[in-house]
């Protein structure tokens, strides 16, 4: 069984916790009162995902729901340690979130040397917002990353399916890394 540590990062109040709860099946209802994450919340669950070879593979997932408040920046190196993937969440209705996403990218993705397949941009549409599913205007480094729109009110299962596709790419990366490591031991 593979073990994947995935960070969910992004600006304050963009919906990271709601998405983390939904993806890990932690809560039945979506929404509620806003309560900012303090530091990090770690949600653990098992998931079946398709590997690169098309086989169903069990994966133990740790979703790290990271606080969006920059006062926790001193914790970032500890959060990044041994992570396998990063999901940047932003609210496309908030222009400041687009700019902040660049900071999150440079601090977490560029500094760790992640491949594009290990990253995901999630334009999270909050309840009651006019969901524009077009590609928002993004900085060049962000525009290279896969982008999905999430709207848990209108199409929650599509969000879950996209997450499982992303998780499949993480498992593929982990599998390839394991194979390289095994081959280096043999040779």
Protein backbone atom coordinates (compact mmCIF):
# COMPACT_ATOMS: atom_id res chain seq x y z
CA UNK A 1 0.00 0.00 0.00
CA UNK A 2 1.23 3.47 -0.85
CA UNK A 3 1.15 6.36 1.60
CA UNK A 4 0.62 9.86 0.21
CA UNK A 5 1.02 13.14 2.07
CA UNK A 6 -0.84 15.89 0.24
CA UNK A 7 -0.84 19.52 1.35
CA UNK A 8 -3.92 21.68 0.79
CA UNK A 9 -2.74 25.28 0.77
CA UNK A 10 -4.03 28.69 -0.25
CA UNK A 11 -5.30 32.01 1.04
CA UNK A 12 -7.46 32.37 4.15
CA UNK A 13 -11.17 31.78 3.65
CA UNK A 14 -10.88 30.13 0.23
CA UNK A 15 -12.50 26.82 1.25
CA UNK A 16 -9.53 24.53 2.03
CA UNK A 17 -11.10 23.01 5.15
CA UNK A 18 -14.47 22.43 3.49
CA UNK A 19 -12.73 20.66 0.60
CA UNK A 20 -10.48 18.62 2.92
CA UNK A 21 -13.49 17.51 4.98
CA UNK A 22 -15.41 16.60 1.83
CA UNK A 23 -12.56 14.70 0.15
CA UNK A 24 -11.80 12.71 3.31
CA UNK A 25 -15.50 12.05 4.03
CA UNK A 26 -15.02 13.67 7.44
CA UNK A 27 -18.39 15.42 7.48
CA UNK A 28 -21.74 14.77 5.87
CA UNK A 29 -22.82 18.39 5.44
CA UNK A 30 -21.09 21.08 3.47
CA UNK A 31 -20.79 24.58 4.87
CA UNK A 32 -21.34 25.95 8.36
CA UNK A 33 -19.74 28.77 10.28
CA UNK A 34 -16.24 29.88 9.31
CA UNK A 35 -13.53 28.92 11.76
CA UNK A 36 -9.95 29.57 10.58
CA UNK A 37 -7.51 26.66 10.74
CA UNK A 38 -4.79 27.17 13.32
CA UNK A 39 -1.52 25.85 11.87
CA UNK A 40 -2.58 22.56 10.27
CA UNK A 41 -5.21 19.81 10.48
CA UNK A 42 -4.25 16.33 9.32
CA UNK A 43 -7.02 14.11 7.95
CA UNK A 44 -6.16 10.45 7.34
CA UNK A 45 -8.16 8.04 5.21
CA UNK A 46 -7.75 5.15 2.80
CA UNK A 47 -8.63 5.44 -0.85
CA UNK A 48 -8.72 3.16 -3.87
CA UNK A 49 -7.22 4.78 -6.93
CA UNK A 50 -6.12 3.74 -10.38
CA UNK A 51 -2.39 3.41 -10.76
CA UNK A 52 -0.54 4.28 -13.95
CA UNK A 53 -0.84 0.64 -15.03
CA UNK A 54 -4.64 0.78 -14.75
CA UNK A 55 -4.83 -1.40 -11.62
CA UNK A 56 -6.79 -0.41 -8.53
CA UNK A 57 -4.30 0.38 -5.76
CA UNK A 58 -4.98 1.07 -2.09
CA UNK A 59 -3.51 4.31 -0.83
CA UNK A 60 -3.28 5.66 2.68
CA UNK A 61 -3.82 9.41 2.34
CA UNK A 62 -2.81 12.18 4.70
CA UNK A 63 -4.49 15.44 3.72
CA UNK A 64 -2.75 18.31 5.45
CA UNK A 65 -5.22 21.21 5.65
CA UNK A 66 -2.78 24.11 6.10
CA UNK A 67 -3.77 27.46 7.57
CA UNK A 68 -3.98 30.28 5.06
CA UNK A 69 -2.83 32.89 7.56
CA UNK A 70 0.72 34.01 6.77
CA UNK A 71 1.55 34.23 10.48
CA UNK A 72 2.07 30.44 10.29
CA UNK A 73 4.77 30.82 7.62
CA UNK A 74 7.46 29.72 10.10
CA UNK A 75 5.76 26.28 10.17
CA UNK A 76 5.92 25.79 6.39
CA UNK A 77 9.25 23.89 6.26
CA UNK A 78 7.89 21.31 8.72
CA UNK A 79 4.65 20.98 6.72
CA UNK A 80 6.55 20.44 3.46
CA UNK A 81 8.79 17.69 4.83
CA UNK A 82 8.10 14.38 3.04
CA UNK A 83 5.08 15.76 1.15
CA UNK A 84 4.15 14.07 -2.13
CA UNK A 85 1.75 16.60 -3.60
CA UNK A 86 0.25 20.06 -3.26
CA UNK A 87 -3.23 21.36 -3.96
CA UNK A 88 -3.50 25.16 -4.16
CA UNK A 89 -7.07 26.27 -3.46
CA UNK A 90 -8.26 29.78 -4.27
CA UNK A 91 -11.54 31.58 -4.67
CA UNK A 92 -11.65 32.89 -8.27
CA UNK A 93 -14.17 35.56 -7.19
CA UNK A 94 -11.50 37.18 -4.98
CA UNK A 95 -8.84 39.01 -7.05
CA UNK A 96 -6.41 39.02 -4.09
CA UNK A 97 -6.49 35.20 -4.03
CA UNK A 98 -5.02 35.03 -7.53
CA UNK A 99 -2.01 37.06 -6.37
CA UNK A 100 -1.67 35.06 -3.16
CA UNK A 101 -1.70 31.81 -5.15
CA UNK A 102 1.60 32.95 -6.71
CA UNK A 103 3.15 33.22 -3.23
CA UNK A 104 1.90 29.76 -2.29
CA UNK A 105 3.31 28.38 -5.55
CA UNK A 106 6.77 29.85 -5.04
CA UNK A 107 6.89 28.91 -1.35
CA UNK A 108 5.64 25.33 -1.66
CA UNK A 109 5.93 24.11 -5.25
CA UNK A 110 8.96 25.88 -6.75
CA UNK A 111 11.03 25.49 -3.58
CA UNK A 112 10.31 21.73 -3.39
CA UNK A 113 10.85 21.01 -7.09
CA UNK A 114 7.50 19.29 -7.56
CA UNK A 115 6.54 18.02 -11.00
CA UNK A 116 3.37 19.47 -12.52
CA UNK A 117 1.66 16.06 -12.07
CA UNK A 118 2.15 16.40 -8.30
CA UNK A 119 0.29 19.71 -8.20
CA UNK A 120 -3.30 20.79 -8.64
CA UNK A 121 -4.99 24.18 -8.75
CA UNK A 122 -8.53 24.22 -7.42
CA UNK A 123 -10.73 27.22 -8.19
CA UNK A 124 -13.22 26.75 -5.36
CA UNK A 125 -16.61 28.36 -5.86
CA UNK A 126 -18.36 29.09 -2.59
CA UNK A 127 -22.10 28.47 -2.16
CA UNK A 128 -24.18 31.11 -3.88
CA UNK A 129 -21.36 32.42 -6.07
CA UNK A 130 -21.74 32.68 -9.82
CA UNK A 131 -19.57 29.77 -10.93
CA UNK A 132 -17.55 30.83 -13.96
CA UNK A 133 -15.81 27.64 -15.08
CA UNK A 134 -13.53 29.34 -17.59
CA UNK A 135 -9.79 29.42 -17.05
CA UNK A 136 -8.97 32.46 -14.89
CA UNK A 137 -6.07 34.69 -15.86
CA UNK A 138 -3.14 33.23 -13.96
CA UNK A 139 0.55 34.02 -13.60
CA UNK A 140 2.72 32.00 -16.01
CA UNK A 141 3.97 29.50 -13.41
CA UNK A 142 0.38 28.80 -12.26
CA UNK A 143 -1.03 28.47 -15.77
CA UNK A 144 1.16 25.37 -16.33
CA UNK A 145 -0.60 23.48 -13.53
CA UNK A 146 -3.74 21.38 -13.98
CA UNK A 147 -6.83 23.39 -12.93
CA UNK A 148 -10.20 22.15 -11.78
CA UNK A 149 -13.24 24.09 -10.67
CA UNK A 150 -14.92 22.87 -7.51
CA UNK A 151 -18.50 23.59 -6.61
CA UNK A 152 -19.67 21.28 -3.85
CA UNK A 153 -23.26 22.50 -4.14
CA UNK A 154 -23.68 21.81 -7.84
CA UNK A 155 -21.39 18.89 -8.66
CA UNK A 156 -19.71 17.29 -5.63
CA UNK A 157 -19.04 13.95 -7.34
CA UNK A 158 -17.13 15.66 -10.17
CA UNK A 159 -14.83 17.21 -7.53
CA UNK A 160 -14.32 13.79 -5.93
CA UNK A 161 -13.56 12.18 -9.33
CA UNK A 162 -11.03 14.90 -10.20
CA UNK A 163 -9.35 14.41 -6.81
CA UNK A 164 -9.10 10.65 -7.45
CA UNK A 165 -7.53 11.30 -10.87
CA UNK A 166 -5.02 13.60 -9.17
CA UNK A 167 -4.39 11.00 -6.47
CA UNK A 168 -3.75 8.46 -9.24
CA UNK A 169 -0.98 10.69 -10.62
CA UNK A 170 0.55 10.93 -7.12
CA UNK A 171 0.46 7.12 -6.76
CA UNK A 172 2.08 6.79 -10.19
CA UNK A 173 4.90 9.13 -9.10
CA UNK A 174 5.33 7.15 -5.85
CA UNK A 175 5.36 3.86 -7.78
CA UNK A 176 7.98 5.11 -10.23
CA UNK A 177 10.11 6.38 -7.36
CA UNK A 178 9.83 3.02 -5.57
CA UNK A 179 10.82 1.17 -8.77
CA UNK A 180 13.88 3.41 -9.27
CA UNK A 181 14.90 2.82 -5.68
CA UNK A 182 14.52 -0.96 -6.02
CA UNK A 183 16.49 -0.97 -9.27
CA UNK A 184 19.31 1.01 -7.65
CA UNK A 185 19.53 -1.62 -4.90
CA UNK A 186 19.62 -4.47 -7.43
CA UNK A 187 22.28 -2.92 -9.67
